[in-house]
Amino acid sequence: MKTNNAIQKVNIILNLIIDEHVAKFKRSKEFKVTPNYGCKKFYLDKIDGSYDNSIYSLIHYIMYQEGIYNNFLNDYQLKELEMVIEEYPTSIYGPNEEEDENYEEIQYDFLDKVYSEGISCVANRLLKEGFAVREHFMDYLDDNEE
Protein backbone atom coordinates (compact mmCIF):
# COMPACT_ATOMS: atom_id res chain seq x y z
CA MET A 1 0.00 0.00 0.00
CA LYS A 2 1.42 3.33 -1.01
CA THR A 3 1.07 6.45 1.11
CA ASN A 4 -1.56 7.87 -1.25
CA ASN A 5 -3.65 4.72 -0.86
CA ALA A 6 -3.36 4.99 2.93
CA ILE A 7 -4.42 8.64 2.77
CA GLN A 8 -7.37 7.77 0.54
CA LYS A 9 -8.54 4.97 2.85
CA VAL A 10 -8.23 7.13 5.98
CA ASN A 11 -10.06 10.02 4.28
CA ILE A 12 -12.90 7.76 3.12
CA ILE A 13 -13.38 6.56 6.69
CA LEU A 14 -13.19 10.11 8.07
CA ASN A 15 -15.88 11.19 5.61
CA LEU A 16 -18.09 8.24 6.61
CA ILE A 17 -17.67 9.21 10.26
CA ILE A 18 -18.63 12.80 9.46
CA ASP A 19 -21.64 11.53 7.48
CA GLU A 20 -22.82 9.69 10.59
CA HIS A 21 -22.37 12.70 12.88
CA VAL A 22 -23.01 15.85 10.80
CA ALA A 23 -26.59 16.33 12.02
CA LYS A 24 -25.35 16.05 15.61
CA PHE A 25 -22.64 18.64 14.88
CA LYS A 26 -25.31 21.06 13.72
CA ARG A 27 -27.38 20.52 16.87
CA SER A 28 -24.59 20.47 19.44
CA LYS A 29 -22.10 22.90 17.82
CA GLU A 30 -19.29 20.53 18.84
CA PHE A 31 -17.41 18.06 16.69
CA LYS A 32 -17.49 15.01 18.96
CA VAL A 33 -17.66 11.67 17.14
CA THR A 34 -18.20 8.19 18.56
CA PRO A 35 -17.00 5.71 15.94
CA ASN A 36 -15.92 2.13 16.63
CA TYR A 37 -12.24 3.04 16.82
CA GLY A 38 -9.93 3.19 19.82
CA CYS A 39 -11.46 4.91 22.83
CA LYS A 40 -14.67 5.49 20.81
CA LYS A 41 -14.80 9.24 21.55
CA PHE A 42 -12.89 11.85 19.57
CA TYR A 43 -13.15 15.55 18.83
CA LEU A 44 -12.47 16.37 15.18
CA ASP A 45 -11.47 19.93 16.07
CA LYS A 46 -8.99 18.88 18.78
CA ILE A 47 -5.66 19.37 17.04
CA ASP A 48 -3.33 20.94 19.60
CA GLY A 49 -2.36 19.70 23.03
CA SER A 50 -2.48 16.09 24.11
CA TYR A 51 -3.44 13.36 21.66
CA ASP A 52 -6.16 12.09 24.01
CA ASN A 53 -9.50 12.09 22.10
CA SER A 54 -7.93 14.18 19.33
CA ILE A 55 -8.23 13.91 15.57
CA TYR A 56 -4.66 12.54 15.60
CA SER A 57 -5.77 9.75 17.91
CA LEU A 58 -8.73 8.94 15.65
CA ILE A 59 -6.49 8.73 12.58
CA HIS A 60 -3.99 6.62 14.56
CA TYR A 61 -6.72 4.14 15.53
CA ILE A 62 -8.12 4.04 12.01
CA MET A 63 -4.66 3.11 10.73
CA TYR A 64 -4.31 0.51 13.48
CA GLN A 65 -7.72 -1.15 13.23
CA GLU A 66 -7.82 -1.08 9.43
CA GLY A 67 -4.36 -2.67 9.19
CA ILE A 68 -2.77 0.30 7.42
CA TYR A 69 0.24 0.31 9.74
CA ASN A 70 0.95 -3.30 8.68
CA ASN A 71 1.84 -2.06 5.22
CA PHE A 72 4.52 0.37 6.42
CA LEU A 73 6.02 -0.86 9.66
CA ASN A 74 8.52 -3.66 10.13
CA ASP A 75 8.04 -6.42 12.74
CA TYR A 76 9.90 -4.52 15.46
CA GLN A 77 7.85 -1.37 14.81
CA LEU A 78 4.61 -3.35 14.83
CA LYS A 79 5.54 -4.68 18.28
CA GLU A 80 6.23 -1.12 19.40
CA LEU A 81 2.83 -0.09 17.99
CA GLU A 82 1.13 -2.87 19.98
CA MET A 83 2.91 -1.68 23.13
CA VAL A 84 1.70 1.88 22.54
CA ILE A 85 -1.88 0.66 22.00
CA GLU A 86 -1.82 -1.45 25.19
CA GLU A 87 0.20 0.73 27.55
CA TYR A 88 -0.50 4.25 26.27
CA PRO A 89 -3.95 4.14 24.65
CA THR A 90 -4.27 7.94 24.66
CA SER A 91 -1.03 8.36 22.71
CA ILE A 92 -0.15 7.74 19.07
CA TYR A 93 2.59 5.66 17.46
CA GLY A 94 5.79 7.25 16.25
CA PRO A 95 9.02 5.57 15.16
CA ASN A 96 12.15 5.92 17.27
CA GLU A 97 14.54 8.36 15.62
CA GLU A 98 17.60 6.77 17.19
CA GLU A 99 16.67 3.11 16.67
CA ASP A 100 14.64 2.89 13.48
CA GLU A 101 16.75 2.99 10.32
CA ASN A 102 13.66 3.92 8.30
CA TYR A 103 12.62 6.68 10.73
CA GLU A 104 12.49 9.48 8.15
CA GLU A 105 10.52 7.41 5.66
CA ILE A 106 7.95 6.33 8.25
CA GLN A 107 7.68 9.67 10.04
CA TYR A 108 7.91 12.17 7.19
CA ASP A 109 6.83 10.23 4.10
CA PHE A 110 4.04 8.30 5.77
CA LEU A 111 2.77 9.42 9.18
CA ASP A 112 3.09 13.18 8.73
CA LYS A 113 1.39 13.00 5.33
CA VAL A 114 -1.47 10.76 6.48
CA TYR A 115 -2.17 12.96 9.53
CA SER A 116 -1.91 16.22 7.60
CA GLU A 117 -4.09 15.03 4.72
CA GLY A 118 -6.63 13.52 7.13
CA ILE A 119 -6.95 16.76 9.07
CA SER A 120 -7.23 18.70 5.78
CA CYS A 121 -9.96 16.33 4.68
CA VAL A 122 -11.91 16.94 7.88
CA ALA A 123 -11.40 20.70 7.67
CA ASN A 124 -12.58 20.87 4.07
CA ARG A 125 -15.57 18.66 4.79
CA LEU A 126 -16.64 20.71 7.80
CA LEU A 127 -16.31 23.90 5.74
CA LYS A 128 -18.36 22.32 2.97
CA GLU A 129 -21.04 21.50 5.55
CA GLY A 130 -21.16 25.19 6.50
CA PHE A 131 -19.26 25.17 9.78
CA ALA A 132 -17.10 28.19 10.62
CA VAL A 133 -13.88 26.29 11.31
CA ARG A 134 -11.50 28.06 8.94
CA GLU A 135 -9.46 29.75 11.68
CA HIS A 136 -9.23 26.56 13.71
CA PHE A 137 -7.86 24.54 10.77
CA MET A 138 -5.86 27.36 9.15
CA ASP A 139 -2.60 25.36 9.08
CA TYR A 140 -4.31 22.53 7.19
CA LEU A 141 -6.03 24.52 4.45
CA ASP A 142 -4.64 25.71 1.15
CA ASP A 143 -4.39 29.49 0.82
CA ASN A 144 -6.59 29.36 -2.29
CA GLU A 145 -9.57 27.78 -0.56
CA GLU A 146 -12.53 29.98 0.09
C-alpha atoms as a PDB file:
ATOM      1  CA  MET A   1       0.000   0.000   0.000  1.00  0.00           C
ATOM      2  CA  LYS A   2       1.417   3.328  -1.007  1.00  0.00           C
ATOM      3  CA  THR A   3       1.073   6.449   1.107  1.00  0.00           C
ATOM      4  CA  ASN A   4      -1.559   7.874  -1.250  1.00  0.00           C
ATOM      5  CA  ASN A   5      -3.647   4.718  -0.858  1.00  0.00           C
ATOM      6  CA  ALA A   6      -3.362   4.988   2.929  1.00  0.00           C
ATOM      7  CA  ILE A   7      -4.416   8.635   2.773  1.00  0.00           C
ATOM      8  CA  GLN A   8      -7.366   7.774   0.540  1.00  0.00           C
ATOM      9  CA  LYS A   9      -8.538   4.969   2.849  1.00  0.00           C
ATOM     10  CA  VAL A  10      -8.234   7.129   5.976  1.00  0.00           C
ATOM     11  CA  ASN A  11     -10.064  10.018   4.281  1.00  0.00           C
ATOM     12  CA  ILE A  12     -12.903   7.762   3.119  1.00  0.00           C
ATOM     13  CA  ILE A  13     -13.376   6.564   6.692  1.00  0.00           C
ATOM     14  CA  LEU A  14     -13.191  10.111   8.074  1.00  0.00           C
ATOM     15  CA  ASN A  15     -15.885  11.192   5.610  1.00  0.00           C
ATOM     16  CA  LEU A  16     -18.090   8.241   6.613  1.00  0.00           C
ATOM     17  CA  ILE A  17     -17.673   9.210  10.265  1.00  0.00           C
ATOM     18  CA  ILE A  18     -18.629  12.800   9.456  1.00  0.00           C
ATOM     19  CA  ASP A  19     -21.643  11.529   7.475  1.00  0.00           C
ATOM     20  CA  GLU A  20     -22.822   9.688  10.594  1.00  0.00           C
ATOM     21  CA  HIS A  21     -22.368  12.704  12.877  1.00  0.00           C
ATOM     22  CA  VAL A  22     -23.008  15.851  10.805  1.00  0.00           C
ATOM     23  CA  ALA A  23     -26.592  16.326  12.024  1.00  0.00           C
ATOM     24  CA  LYS A  24     -25.350  16.046  15.610  1.00  0.00           C
ATOM     25  CA  PHE A  25     -22.636  18.635  14.885  1.00  0.00           C
ATOM     26  CA  LYS A  26     -25.308  21.064  13.722  1.00  0.00           C
ATOM     27  CA  ARG A  27     -27.376  20.523  16.866  1.00  0.00           C
ATOM     28  CA  SER A  28     -24.589  20.472  19.440  1.00  0.00           C
ATOM     29  CA  LYS A  29     -22.100  22.898  17.815  1.00  0.00           C
ATOM     30  CA  GLU A  30     -19.286  20.526  18.841  1.00  0.00           C
ATOM     31  CA  PHE A  31     -17.410  18.061  16.693  1.00  0.00           C
ATOM     32  CA  LYS A  32     -17.489  15.012  18.963  1.00  0.00           C
ATOM     33  CA  VAL A  33     -17.658  11.673  17.142  1.00  0.00           C
ATOM     34  CA  THR A  34     -18.204   8.192  18.563  1.00  0.00           C
ATOM     35  CA  PRO A  35     -16.997   5.706  15.941  1.00  0.00           C
ATOM     36  CA  ASN A  36     -15.920   2.132  16.628  1.00  0.00           C
ATOM     37  CA  TYR A  37     -12.241   3.040  16.818  1.00  0.00           C
ATOM     38  CA  GLY A  38      -9.935   3.190  19.823  1.00  0.00           C
ATOM     39  CA  CYS A  39     -11.461   4.911  22.830  1.00  0.00           C
ATOM     40  CA  LYS A  40     -14.665   5.486  20.808  1.00  0.00           C
ATOM     41  CA  LYS A  41     -14.797   9.236  21.550  1.00  0.00           C
ATOM     42  CA  PHE A  42     -12.891  11.848  19.570  1.00  0.00           C
ATOM     43  CA  TYR A  43     -13.148  15.554  18.831  1.00  0.00           C
ATOM     44  CA  LEU A  44     -12.474  16.372  15.184  1.00  0.00           C
ATOM     45  CA  ASP A  45     -11.473  19.928  16.067  1.00  0.00           C
ATOM     46  CA  LYS A  46      -8.988  18.877  18.779  1.00  0.00           C
ATOM     47  CA  ILE A  47      -5.664  19.368  17.036  1.00  0.00           C
ATOM     48  CA  ASP A  48      -3.331  20.945  19.596  1.00  0.00           C
ATOM     49  CA  GLY A  49      -2.361  19.703  23.034  1.00  0.00           C
ATOM     50  CA  SER A  50      -2.475  16.085  24.106  1.00  0.00           C
ATOM     51  CA  TYR A  51      -3.440  13.357  21.662  1.00  0.00           C
ATOM     52  CA  ASP A  52      -6.161  12.094  24.007  1.00  0.00           C
ATOM     53  CA  ASN A  53      -9.496  12.088  22.102  1.00  0.00           C
ATOM     54  CA  SER A  54      -7.933  14.180  19.327  1.00  0.00           C
ATOM     55  CA  ILE A  55      -8.229  13.910  15.572  1.00  0.00           C
ATOM     56  CA  TYR A  56      -4.656  12.544  15.601  1.00  0.00           C
ATOM     57  CA  SER A  57      -5.773   9.754  17.909  1.00  0.00           C
ATOM     58  CA  LEU A  58      -8.726   8.941  15.654  1.00  0.00           C
ATOM     59  CA  ILE A  59      -6.493   8.727  12.581  1.00  0.00           C
ATOM     60  CA  HIS A  60      -3.987   6.615  14.555  1.00  0.00           C
ATOM     61  CA  TYR A  61      -6.719   4.144  15.532  1.00  0.00           C
ATOM     62  CA  ILE A  62      -8.117   4.043  12.007  1.00  0.00           C
ATOM     63  CA  MET A  63      -4.656   3.107  10.731  1.00  0.00           C
ATOM     64  CA  TYR A  64      -4.310   0.509  13.478  1.00  0.00           C
ATOM     65  CA  GLN A  65      -7.717  -1.153  13.227  1.00  0.00           C
ATOM     66  CA  GLU A  66      -7.823  -1.077   9.426  1.00  0.00           C
ATOM     67  CA  GLY A  67      -4.360  -2.671   9.186  1.00  0.00           C
ATOM     68  CA  ILE A  68      -2.772   0.300   7.416  1.00  0.00           C
ATOM     69  CA  TYR A  69       0.239   0.311   9.743  1.00  0.00           C
ATOM     70  CA  ASN A  70       0.947  -3.301   8.684  1.00  0.00           C
ATOM     71  CA  ASN A  71       1.837  -2.064   5.216  1.00  0.00           C
ATOM     72  CA  PHE A  72       4.523   0.367   6.423  1.00  0.00           C
ATOM     73  CA  LEU A  73       6.021  -0.857   9.662  1.00  0.00           C
ATOM     74  CA  ASN A  74       8.525  -3.661  10.133  1.00  0.00           C
ATOM     75  CA  ASP A  75       8.041  -6.421  12.740  1.00  0.00           C
ATOM     76  CA  TYR A  76       9.897  -4.516  15.462  1.00  0.00           C
ATOM     77  CA  GLN A  77       7.854  -1.365  14.813  1.00  0.00           C
ATOM     78  CA  LEU A  78       4.607  -3.346  14.831  1.00  0.00           C
ATOM     79  CA  LYS A  79       5.537  -4.681  18.279  1.00  0.00           C
ATOM     80  CA  GLU A  80       6.227  -1.120  19.403  1.00  0.00           C
ATOM     81  CA  LEU A  81       2.829  -0.094  17.991  1.00  0.00           C
ATOM     82  CA  GLU A  82       1.128  -2.871  19.979  1.00  0.00           C
ATOM     83  CA  MET A  83       2.913  -1.682  23.127  1.00  0.00           C
ATOM     84  CA  VAL A  84       1.697   1.885  22.540  1.00  0.00           C
ATOM     85  CA  ILE A  85      -1.883   0.661  21.999  1.00  0.00           C
ATOM     86  CA  GLU A  86      -1.818  -1.446  25.186  1.00  0.00           C
ATOM     87  CA  GLU A  87       0.202   0.730  27.552  1.00  0.00           C
ATOM     88  CA  TYR A  88      -0.500   4.248  26.269  1.00  0.00           C
ATOM     89  CA  PRO A  89      -3.951   4.139  24.650  1.00  0.00           C
ATOM     90  CA  THR A  90      -4.268   7.940  24.655  1.00  0.00           C
ATOM     91  CA  SER A  91      -1.030   8.359  22.712  1.00  0.00           C
ATOM     92  CA  ILE A  92      -0.150   7.736  19.067  1.00  0.00           C
ATOM     93  CA  TYR A  93       2.588   5.662  17.462  1.00  0.00           C
ATOM     94  CA  GLY A  94       5.794   7.246  16.246  1.00  0.00           C
ATOM     95  CA  PRO A  95       9.018   5.568  15.164  1.00  0.00           C
ATOM     96  CA  ASN A  96      12.153   5.919  17.267  1.00  0.00           C
ATOM     97  CA  GLU A  97      14.537   8.364  15.617  1.00  0.00           C
ATOM     98  CA  GLU A  98      17.595   6.773  17.188  1.00  0.00           C
ATOM     99  CA  GLU A  99      16.673   3.110  16.675  1.00  0.00           C
ATOM    100  CA  ASP A 100      14.643   2.889  13.480  1.00  0.00           C
ATOM    101  CA  GLU A 101      16.746   2.991  10.325  1.00  0.00           C
ATOM    102  CA  ASN A 102      13.663   3.925   8.298  1.00  0.00           C
ATOM    103  CA  TYR A 103      12.619   6.678  10.734  1.00  0.00           C
ATOM    104  CA  GLU A 104      12.489   9.485   8.151  1.00  0.00           C
ATOM    105  CA  GLU A 105      10.518   7.408   5.659  1.00  0.00           C
ATOM    106  CA  ILE A 106       7.954   6.327   8.249  1.00  0.00           C
ATOM    107  CA  GLN A 107       7.683   9.674  10.044  1.00  0.00           C
ATOM    108  CA  TYR A 108       7.907  12.170   7.185  1.00  0.00           C
ATOM    109  CA  ASP A 109       6.828  10.230   4.102  1.00  0.00           C
ATOM    110  CA  PHE A 110       4.043   8.297   5.768  1.00  0.00           C
ATOM    111  CA  LEU A 111       2.770   9.424   9.180  1.00  0.00           C
ATOM    112  CA  ASP A 112       3.093  13.181   8.730  1.00  0.00           C
ATOM    113  CA  LYS A 113       1.392  13.001   5.326  1.00  0.00           C
ATOM    114  CA  VAL A 114      -1.468  10.762   6.485  1.00  0.00           C
ATOM    115  CA  TYR A 115      -2.172  12.955   9.531  1.00  0.00           C
ATOM    116  CA  SER A 116      -1.915  16.215   7.598  1.00  0.00           C
ATOM    117  CA  GLU A 117      -4.094  15.029   4.725  1.00  0.00           C
ATOM    118  CA  GLY A 118      -6.626  13.519   7.125  1.00  0.00           C
ATOM    119  CA  ILE A 119      -6.949  16.756   9.066  1.00  0.00           C
ATOM    120  CA  SER A 120      -7.228  18.703   5.782  1.00  0.00           C
ATOM    121  CA  CYS A 121      -9.964  16.327   4.677  1.00  0.00           C
ATOM    122  CA  VAL A 122     -11.912  16.937   7.882  1.00  0.00           C
ATOM    123  CA  ALA A 123     -11.395  20.703   7.668  1.00  0.00           C
ATOM    124  CA  ASN A 124     -12.582  20.868   4.072  1.00  0.00           C
ATOM    125  CA  ARG A 125     -15.571  18.659   4.788  1.00  0.00           C
ATOM    126  CA  LEU A 126     -16.642  20.710   7.803  1.00  0.00           C
ATOM    127  CA  LEU A 127     -16.307  23.902   5.744  1.00  0.00           C
ATOM    128  CA  LYS A 128     -18.365  22.323   2.966  1.00  0.00           C
ATOM    129  CA  GLU A 129     -21.041  21.501   5.553  1.00  0.00           C
ATOM    130  CA  GLY A 130     -21.162  25.190   6.500  1.00  0.00           C
ATOM    131  CA  PHE A 131     -19.263  25.166   9.777  1.00  0.00           C
ATOM    132  CA  ALA A 132     -17.098  28.189  10.624  1.00  0.00           C
ATOM    133  CA  VAL A 133     -13.884  26.291  11.309  1.00  0.00           C
ATOM    134  CA  ARG A 134     -11.497  28.056   8.940  1.00  0.00           C
ATOM    135  CA  GLU A 135      -9.459  29.751  11.683  1.00  0.00           C
ATOM    136  CA  HIS A 136      -9.231  26.559  13.708  1.00  0.00           C
ATOM    137  CA  PHE A 137      -7.856  24.541  10.774  1.00  0.00           C
ATOM    138  CA  MET A 138      -5.858  27.361   9.151  1.00  0.00           C
ATOM    139  CA  ASP A 139      -2.605  25.365   9.085  1.00  0.00           C
ATOM    140  CA  TYR A 140      -4.312  22.533   7.188  1.00  0.00           C
ATOM    141  CA  LEU A 141      -6.031  24.524   4.451  1.00  0.00           C
ATOM    142  CA  ASP A 142      -4.639  25.705   1.151  1.00  0.00           C
ATOM    143  CA  ASP A 143      -4.385  29.491   0.815  1.00  0.00           C
ATOM    144  CA  ASN A 144      -6.589  29.360  -2.291  1.00  0.00           C
ATOM    145  CA  GLU A 145      -9.570  27.782  -0.559  1.00  0.00           C
ATOM    146  CA  GLU A 146     -12.532  29.984   0.091  1.00  0.00           C
END
